[in-house]
Protein backbone atom coordinates (compact mmCIF):
# COMPACT_ATOMS: atom_id res chain seq x y z
CA UNK A 1 95.98 106.45 191.60
CA UNK A 2 92.84 104.45 190.91
CA UNK A 3 89.66 105.83 189.46
CA UNK A 4 86.56 105.32 191.67
CA UNK A 5 83.96 103.07 190.17
CA UNK A 6 80.89 105.02 189.08
CA UNK A 7 77.56 103.48 189.94
CA UNK A 8 76.41 103.71 186.31
CA UNK A 9 79.77 102.89 184.71
CA UNK A 10 79.63 99.79 182.54
CA UNK A 11 82.29 97.91 180.65
CA UNK A 12 81.11 97.84 177.02
CA UNK A 13 82.60 96.15 173.98
CA UNK A 14 82.68 99.50 172.18
CA UNK A 15 84.74 101.09 174.96
CA UNK A 16 87.19 98.19 174.80
CA UNK A 17 87.48 98.58 171.01
CA UNK A 18 88.08 102.31 171.40
CA UNK A 19 90.75 101.74 174.06
CA UNK A 20 92.61 99.27 171.83
CA UNK A 21 92.43 101.71 168.92
CA UNK A 22 93.86 104.50 171.12
CA UNK A 23 96.63 102.25 172.43
CA UNK A 24 97.59 101.13 168.91
CA UNK A 25 97.38 104.64 167.43
CA UNK A 26 99.34 106.24 170.26
CA UNK A 27 97.09 109.31 170.38
CA UNK A 28 93.44 110.10 170.99
CA UNK A 29 93.17 112.29 167.89
CA UNK A 30 94.71 109.69 165.58
CA UNK A 31 92.43 106.97 166.97
CA UNK A 32 89.40 109.23 166.53
CA UNK A 33 90.27 109.78 162.86
CA UNK A 34 90.62 106.05 162.27
CA UNK A 35 87.35 105.32 164.05
CA UNK A 36 85.49 108.07 162.23
CA UNK A 37 84.56 109.59 165.58
CA UNK A 38 85.23 112.88 167.37
CA UNK A 39 88.18 113.13 169.79
CA UNK A 40 85.78 114.08 172.57
CA UNK A 41 83.66 110.95 172.10
CA UNK A 42 86.78 108.75 172.04
CA UNK A 43 88.05 110.42 175.21
CA UNK A 44 84.65 109.87 176.87
CA UNK A 45 84.67 106.16 175.94
CA UNK A 46 88.09 105.74 177.55
CA UNK A 47 86.96 107.67 180.64
CA UNK A 48 83.87 105.46 180.95
CA UNK A 49 86.04 102.34 180.63
CA UNK A 50 88.40 103.61 183.33
CA UNK A 51 85.42 104.27 185.60
CA UNK A 52 84.07 100.76 184.98
CA UNK A 53 87.46 99.18 185.73
CA UNK A 54 88.35 101.48 188.61
CA UNK A 55 91.79 102.24 187.21
CA UNK A 56 93.56 104.83 185.07
CA UNK A 57 94.54 103.31 181.73
CA UNK A 58 96.14 106.30 180.00
CA UNK A 59 98.62 108.80 181.40
CA UNK A 60 97.09 112.01 180.06
CA UNK A 61 100.03 114.12 181.26
CA UNK A 62 102.86 112.11 179.73
CA UNK A 63 104.48 113.37 176.54
CA UNK A 64 104.75 111.35 174.40
CA UNK A 65 101.59 109.29 174.87
CA UNK A 66 101.85 106.45 177.42
CA UNK A 67 99.71 103.75 178.96
CA UNK A 68 99.76 103.38 182.71
CA UNK A 69 100.84 100.01 184.14
CA UNK A 70 97.13 99.22 184.51
CA UNK A 71 96.61 100.19 180.88
CA UNK A 72 99.40 97.90 179.72
CA UNK A 73 97.93 95.03 181.74
CA UNK A 74 94.40 95.61 180.47
CA UNK A 75 95.55 95.94 176.83
CA UNK A 76 96.45 92.23 176.79
CA UNK A 77 93.05 91.38 178.29
CA UNK A 78 91.33 93.69 175.81
CA UNK A 79 92.75 91.75 172.87
CA UNK A 80 91.39 88.55 174.43
CA UNK A 81 87.96 90.15 174.91
CA UNK A 82 87.82 91.35 171.30
CA UNK A 83 89.05 87.97 170.06
CA UNK A 84 86.29 86.19 171.97
CA UNK A 85 83.72 88.66 170.64
CA UNK A 86 84.93 88.03 167.09
CA UNK A 87 84.70 84.27 167.63
CA UNK A 88 81.16 84.66 168.95
CA UNK A 89 80.18 86.75 165.93
CA UNK A 90 81.70 84.13 163.65
CA UNK A 91 79.71 81.33 165.29
CA UNK A 92 76.52 83.37 165.09
CA UNK A 93 77.24 84.24 161.47
CA UNK A 94 77.30 80.54 160.69
CA UNK A 95 73.62 80.50 161.57
CA UNK A 96 72.92 83.01 158.78
CA UNK A 97 72.82 86.76 158.35
CA UNK A 98 69.07 87.36 158.26
CA UNK A 99 69.16 88.90 161.75
CA UNK A 100 72.40 90.90 161.37
CA UNK A 101 71.53 94.25 163.03
CA UNK A 102 74.09 96.54 161.37
CA UNK A 103 76.77 96.47 158.69
CA UNK A 104 79.32 99.21 157.98
CA UNK A 105 81.12 99.41 154.63
CA UNK A 106 83.87 101.79 153.44
CA UNK A 107 84.35 102.10 149.67
CA UNK A 108 86.72 104.11 147.48
CA UNK A 109 85.16 107.38 146.42
CA UNK A 110 85.36 106.51 142.70
CA UNK A 111 82.52 104.03 143.28
CA UNK A 112 80.18 106.34 145.16
CA UNK A 113 77.97 107.54 142.29
CA UNK A 114 76.51 104.30 140.93
CA UNK A 115 78.11 101.27 142.55
CA UNK A 116 77.72 102.23 146.22
CA UNK A 117 73.96 102.98 146.17
CA UNK A 118 73.27 99.84 144.13
CA UNK A 119 75.35 97.73 146.53
CA UNK A 120 73.50 99.15 149.55
CA UNK A 121 70.13 98.32 148.00
CA UNK A 122 71.22 94.79 147.04
CA UNK A 123 72.48 94.14 150.57
CA UNK A 124 69.26 95.56 152.03
CA UNK A 125 67.30 92.96 150.09
CA UNK A 126 69.62 90.24 151.34
CA UNK A 127 69.64 91.50 154.94
CA UNK A 128 66.10 92.79 155.51
CA UNK A 129 66.55 93.75 159.18
CA UNK A 130 70.05 95.20 158.87
CA UNK A 131 70.98 98.89 159.08
CA UNK A 132 73.54 99.42 156.33
CA UNK A 133 76.00 102.30 156.62
CA UNK A 134 78.21 103.21 153.65
CA UNK A 135 81.07 105.69 153.67
CA UNK A 136 83.48 106.61 150.90
CA UNK A 137 87.06 107.77 151.10
CA UNK A 138 90.61 107.09 149.93
CA UNK A 139 92.05 103.59 150.26
CA UNK A 140 94.28 104.27 153.25
CA UNK A 141 91.42 105.73 155.30
CA UNK A 142 89.14 102.80 154.42
CA UNK A 143 91.75 100.26 155.48
CA UNK A 144 92.44 102.12 158.73
CA UNK A 145 88.70 102.22 159.47
CA UNK A 146 88.55 98.44 159.07
CA UNK A 147 91.56 97.73 161.27
CA UNK A 148 90.14 100.12 163.88
CA UNK A 149 86.81 98.22 163.74
CA UNK A 150 84.93 101.35 162.66
CA UNK A 151 83.55 99.40 159.67
CA UNK A 152 83.00 95.71 158.90
CA UNK A 153 84.03 95.71 155.23
CA UNK A 154 86.42 97.97 153.32
CA UNK A 155 87.33 98.43 149.66
CA UNK A 156 90.93 99.52 149.24
CA UNK A 157 93.89 99.33 146.94
CA UNK A 158 96.09 96.32 147.54
CA UNK A 159 98.02 96.47 150.81
CA UNK A 160 101.37 94.84 151.45
CA UNK A 161 101.84 92.70 154.56
CA UNK A 162 98.15 91.92 155.02
CA UNK A 163 97.51 91.26 158.73
CA UNK A 164 96.69 87.63 159.48
CA UNK A 165 93.35 88.57 161.01
CA UNK A 166 92.08 90.01 157.71
CA UNK A 167 90.80 88.31 154.57
CA UNK A 168 91.07 89.70 151.04
CA UNK A 169 88.65 89.34 148.12
CA UNK A 170 90.04 90.71 144.81
CA UNK A 171 87.65 92.90 142.82
CA UNK A 172 89.20 94.62 139.81
CA UNK A 173 92.30 95.79 138.01
CA UNK A 174 92.16 99.55 137.40
CA UNK A 175 95.06 100.66 135.13
CA UNK A 176 96.68 104.04 135.38
CA UNK A 177 96.01 106.36 132.46
CA UNK A 178 96.88 109.87 131.39
CA UNK A 179 94.14 112.51 131.74
CA UNK A 180 94.82 115.86 130.08
CA UNK A 181 92.99 119.02 129.13
CA UNK A 182 91.34 118.25 125.79
CA UNK A 183 93.72 118.96 122.89
CA UNK A 184 96.80 119.39 125.10
CA UNK A 185 98.65 116.63 123.21
CA UNK A 186 97.39 117.46 119.72
CA UNK A 187 99.85 117.02 116.87
CA UNK A 188 103.12 115.12 116.70
CA UNK A 189 104.92 116.84 119.57
CA UNK A 190 106.82 114.66 122.03
CA UNK A 191 104.22 113.99 124.78
CA UNK A 192 106.69 114.05 127.67
CA UNK A 193 108.08 117.38 126.47
CA UNK A 194 104.56 118.84 126.35
CA UNK A 195 103.68 117.44 129.78
CA UNK A 196 106.86 118.81 131.33
CA UNK A 197 105.71 122.33 130.40
CA UNK A 198 102.06 121.90 131.46
CA UNK A 199 100.95 121.93 135.13
CA UNK A 200 100.81 118.52 136.77
CA UNK A 201 97.82 118.04 139.10
CA UNK A 202 98.28 115.32 141.71
CA UNK A 203 96.67 113.56 144.65
CA UNK A 204 97.92 114.25 148.16
CA UNK A 205 101.09 112.16 148.71
CA UNK A 206 99.71 110.24 151.72
CA UNK A 207 97.10 108.51 149.55
CA UNK A 208 97.96 104.94 148.53
CA UNK A 209 97.28 105.59 144.85
CA UNK A 210 99.60 108.61 144.78
CA UNK A 211 102.34 106.65 146.54
CA UNK A 212 102.19 104.12 143.72
CA UNK A 213 102.36 106.90 141.10
CA UNK A 214 105.35 108.51 142.84
CA UNK A 215 107.14 105.15 143.00
CA UNK A 216 106.59 104.58 139.26
CA UNK A 217 107.88 108.07 138.43
CA UNK A 218 111.02 107.34 140.44
CA UNK A 219 111.56 104.00 138.70
CA UNK A 220 111.27 105.69 135.30
CA UNK A 221 113.36 108.70 136.40
CA UNK A 222 110.53 111.11 135.59
CA UNK A 223 111.23 114.28 137.53
CA UNK A 224 108.13 116.46 137.18
CA UNK A 225 106.87 118.11 140.35
CA UNK A 226 103.13 118.74 140.76
CA UNK A 227 101.91 122.32 140.45
CA UNK A 228 98.61 121.56 142.20
CA UNK A 229 97.86 118.97 144.91
CA UNK A 230 94.33 117.97 146.00
CA UNK A 231 92.82 115.20 148.08
CA UNK A 232 89.73 114.58 145.90
CA UNK A 233 89.32 113.25 142.39
CA UNK A 234 86.80 115.91 141.37
CA UNK A 235 89.10 118.79 142.33
CA UNK A 236 91.93 117.21 140.34
CA UNK A 237 89.87 116.72 137.18
CA UNK A 238 88.36 120.22 137.38
CA UNK A 239 91.83 121.74 137.72
CA UNK A 240 93.17 119.68 134.81
CA UNK A 241 90.38 121.19 132.71
CA UNK A 242 90.65 124.75 134.03
CA UNK A 243 94.45 125.05 134.18
CA UNK A 244 95.13 123.21 130.90
CA UNK A 245 97.05 120.60 132.85
CA UNK A 246 97.35 116.84 133.23
CA UNK A 247 97.28 114.09 135.81
CA UNK A 248 97.88 110.37 136.17
CA UNK A 249 94.61 108.76 137.18
CA UNK A 250 92.57 105.64 136.40
CA UNK A 251 89.49 104.97 134.24
CA UNK A 252 87.38 104.96 137.42
CA UNK A 253 88.57 108.45 138.24
CA UNK A 254 87.87 109.70 134.72
CA UNK A 255 84.38 108.16 134.53
CA UNK A 256 83.39 109.82 137.80
CA UNK A 257 83.34 113.34 136.27
CA UNK A 258 81.14 113.08 133.14
CA UNK A 259 80.32 116.79 133.18
CA UNK A 260 84.01 117.54 132.49
CA UNK A 261 84.44 115.10 129.59
CA UNK A 262 83.96 117.86 127.01
CA UNK A 263 87.08 119.55 128.46
CA UNK A 264 89.31 116.62 129.39
CA UNK A 265 90.37 113.40 127.68
CA UNK A 266 91.80 110.04 128.71
CA UNK A 267 94.83 108.59 126.91
CA UNK A 268 97.33 105.76 127.35
CA UNK A 269 100.38 106.65 129.41
CA UNK A 270 103.38 107.94 127.42
CA UNK A 271 105.64 105.66 129.49
CA UNK A 272 105.59 102.12 130.87
CA UNK A 273 102.12 101.30 132.13
CA UNK A 274 101.14 100.11 135.59
CA UNK A 275 97.91 99.49 137.50
CA UNK A 276 96.29 99.34 140.89
CA UNK A 277 94.07 96.51 142.05
CA UNK A 278 91.05 96.98 144.29
CA UNK A 279 89.99 94.39 146.85
CA UNK A 280 87.35 93.96 149.52
CA UNK A 281 88.82 93.37 152.99
CA UNK A 282 87.12 91.99 156.09
CA UNK A 283 88.07 90.63 159.49
CA UNK A 284 88.62 86.93 159.03
CA UNK A 285 85.78 84.57 160.01
CA UNK A 286 83.68 87.29 161.65
CA UNK A 287 80.94 87.53 159.01
CA UNK A 288 81.11 84.02 157.63
CA UNK A 289 80.45 83.98 153.89
CA UNK A 290 79.06 87.53 153.74
CA UNK A 291 82.34 89.20 152.61
CA UNK A 292 82.68 86.77 149.69
CA UNK A 293 79.01 87.29 148.77
CA UNK A 294 79.46 91.08 148.97
CA UNK A 295 82.57 90.88 146.78
CA UNK A 296 80.58 88.91 144.19
CA UNK A 297 77.90 91.63 144.23
CA UNK A 298 80.56 94.29 143.84
CA UNK A 299 82.19 92.54 140.87
CA UNK A 300 78.85 92.38 139.08
CA UNK A 301 78.14 96.05 139.74
CA UNK A 302 81.67 97.15 138.84
CA UNK A 303 81.51 95.30 135.54
CA UNK A 304 78.21 96.97 134.66
CA UNK A 305 78.92 100.47 135.99
CA UNK A 306 82.68 100.80 135.48
CA UNK A 307 84.45 98.20 133.35
CA UNK A 308 82.07 98.18 130.38
CA UNK A 309 81.60 101.98 130.32
CA UNK A 310 85.39 102.44 130.46
CA UNK A 311 85.92 100.11 127.53
CA UNK A 312 83.24 101.91 125.53
CA UNK A 313 84.84 105.28 126.28
CA UNK A 314 88.36 104.01 125.51
CA UNK A 315 88.44 100.74 123.50
CA UNK A 316 92.24 100.72 123.72
CA UNK A 317 91.92 99.78 127.41
CA UNK A 318 90.89 96.23 126.42
CA UNK A 319 91.73 93.78 129.20
CA UNK A 320 93.83 96.42 130.92
CA UNK A 321 90.73 97.11 132.98
CA UNK A 322 89.04 93.93 134.16
CA UNK A 323 87.49 92.05 137.03
CA UNK A 324 89.78 89.88 139.15
CA UNK A 325 88.94 86.28 139.88
CA UNK A 326 87.59 85.57 143.37
CA UNK A 327 90.25 83.98 145.50
CA UNK A 328 89.14 84.44 149.11
CA UNK A 329 92.06 85.75 151.11
CA UNK A 330 94.67 84.34 148.71
CA UNK A 331 96.44 86.84 146.50
CA UNK A 332 96.64 86.02 142.81
CA UNK A 333 99.51 87.42 140.76
CA UNK A 334 98.24 89.51 137.86
CA UNK A 335 99.36 88.94 134.31
CA UNK A 336 100.98 91.87 132.56
CA UNK A 337 98.79 93.16 129.75
CA UNK A 338 99.86 94.88 126.57
CA UNK A 339 98.72 98.49 126.77
CA UNK A 340 98.96 100.96 123.93
CA UNK A 341 101.39 103.66 124.99
CA UNK A 342 101.97 107.01 123.31
CA UNK A 343 105.53 107.26 122.07
CA UNK A 344 106.45 103.72 123.16
CA UNK A 345 109.69 102.63 121.56
CA UNK A 346 109.09 98.89 121.55
CA UNK A 347 106.80 96.14 122.75
CA UNK A 348 108.57 95.84 126.07
CA UNK A 349 107.84 99.45 126.94
CA UNK A 350 104.17 98.81 126.26
CA UNK A 351 103.90 96.12 128.90
CA UNK A 352 101.90 97.01 131.98
CA UNK A 353 103.36 96.47 135.41
CA UNK A 354 100.09 94.89 136.55
CA UNK A 355 101.74 93.20 139.50
CA UNK A 356 102.96 96.49 141.04
CA UNK A 357 101.65 96.94 144.56
CA UNK A 358 100.90 100.04 146.54
CA UNK A 359 103.52 100.93 149.07
């Protein structure tokens, strides 16, 4: 049954974007989370779109979620509309970004203290009439926000099977390290034996970084279950200090909690090393050269606020933590770096799996 057209109902690009996000997510709540909006506002956008089109697009009674025949027909048109809008933005971007009205960026939370504010200020100077919105969160949420068009740029760990409509700008290699309560590994005791008796504090398993850690543990046949699980870096580091425990983190995560450094310490891993890589992602050809320019700004800030401080705090990191060469949307295979490793039996076990990717 059709929906009567309201006199004030208008078809807006935002409502079309929201409808596509709902159709792809398969649920209003999931789409709302990806868009960074409330379920009620997402539902209202879809209702407004239905009123503007004069047709029901979603069967709100069906379980599981389903589009109506009209919804299935309009979904194909919606992709065309969004594609044309992206092309228009790309053509306008070629004229320059001085008049860009708004820019949304999602960054990993480890960068929020120093890098994110400095980036926002640098972009404000470059885009004097632009409203810049920055949000921080875990990699998977940032990437979902980008694909749902809730932000224009996103910093995330490396993602397999990059969609063709996205471009990737490598930023940095952030190696995994061991963070323990200070003095936990004092003496000549076997580190893995000590760690097996101490509480392991871990990230929530849905986070990209934790998936990579779990995969490495499985490869090395390390069977140590976490005692505590949190979804924020600060909670993990505070629990490592308070519970005399340990975690697998990165230099960025360690540097973010300076007030805890008297109670925790960063060490090389006592097993084969591996690393994550961070990249800036954007929708291809929508913002012209702005993503590449933003990535260049980020590399400069990351070197000053993260790479150099990490090397000063732990000289053994060396080139294990480093900037990655700009390569547009082309992935560059990382070289494996020697990394000092507690209890390593030979040179081979000290090699870092730098090319490992998040799953």
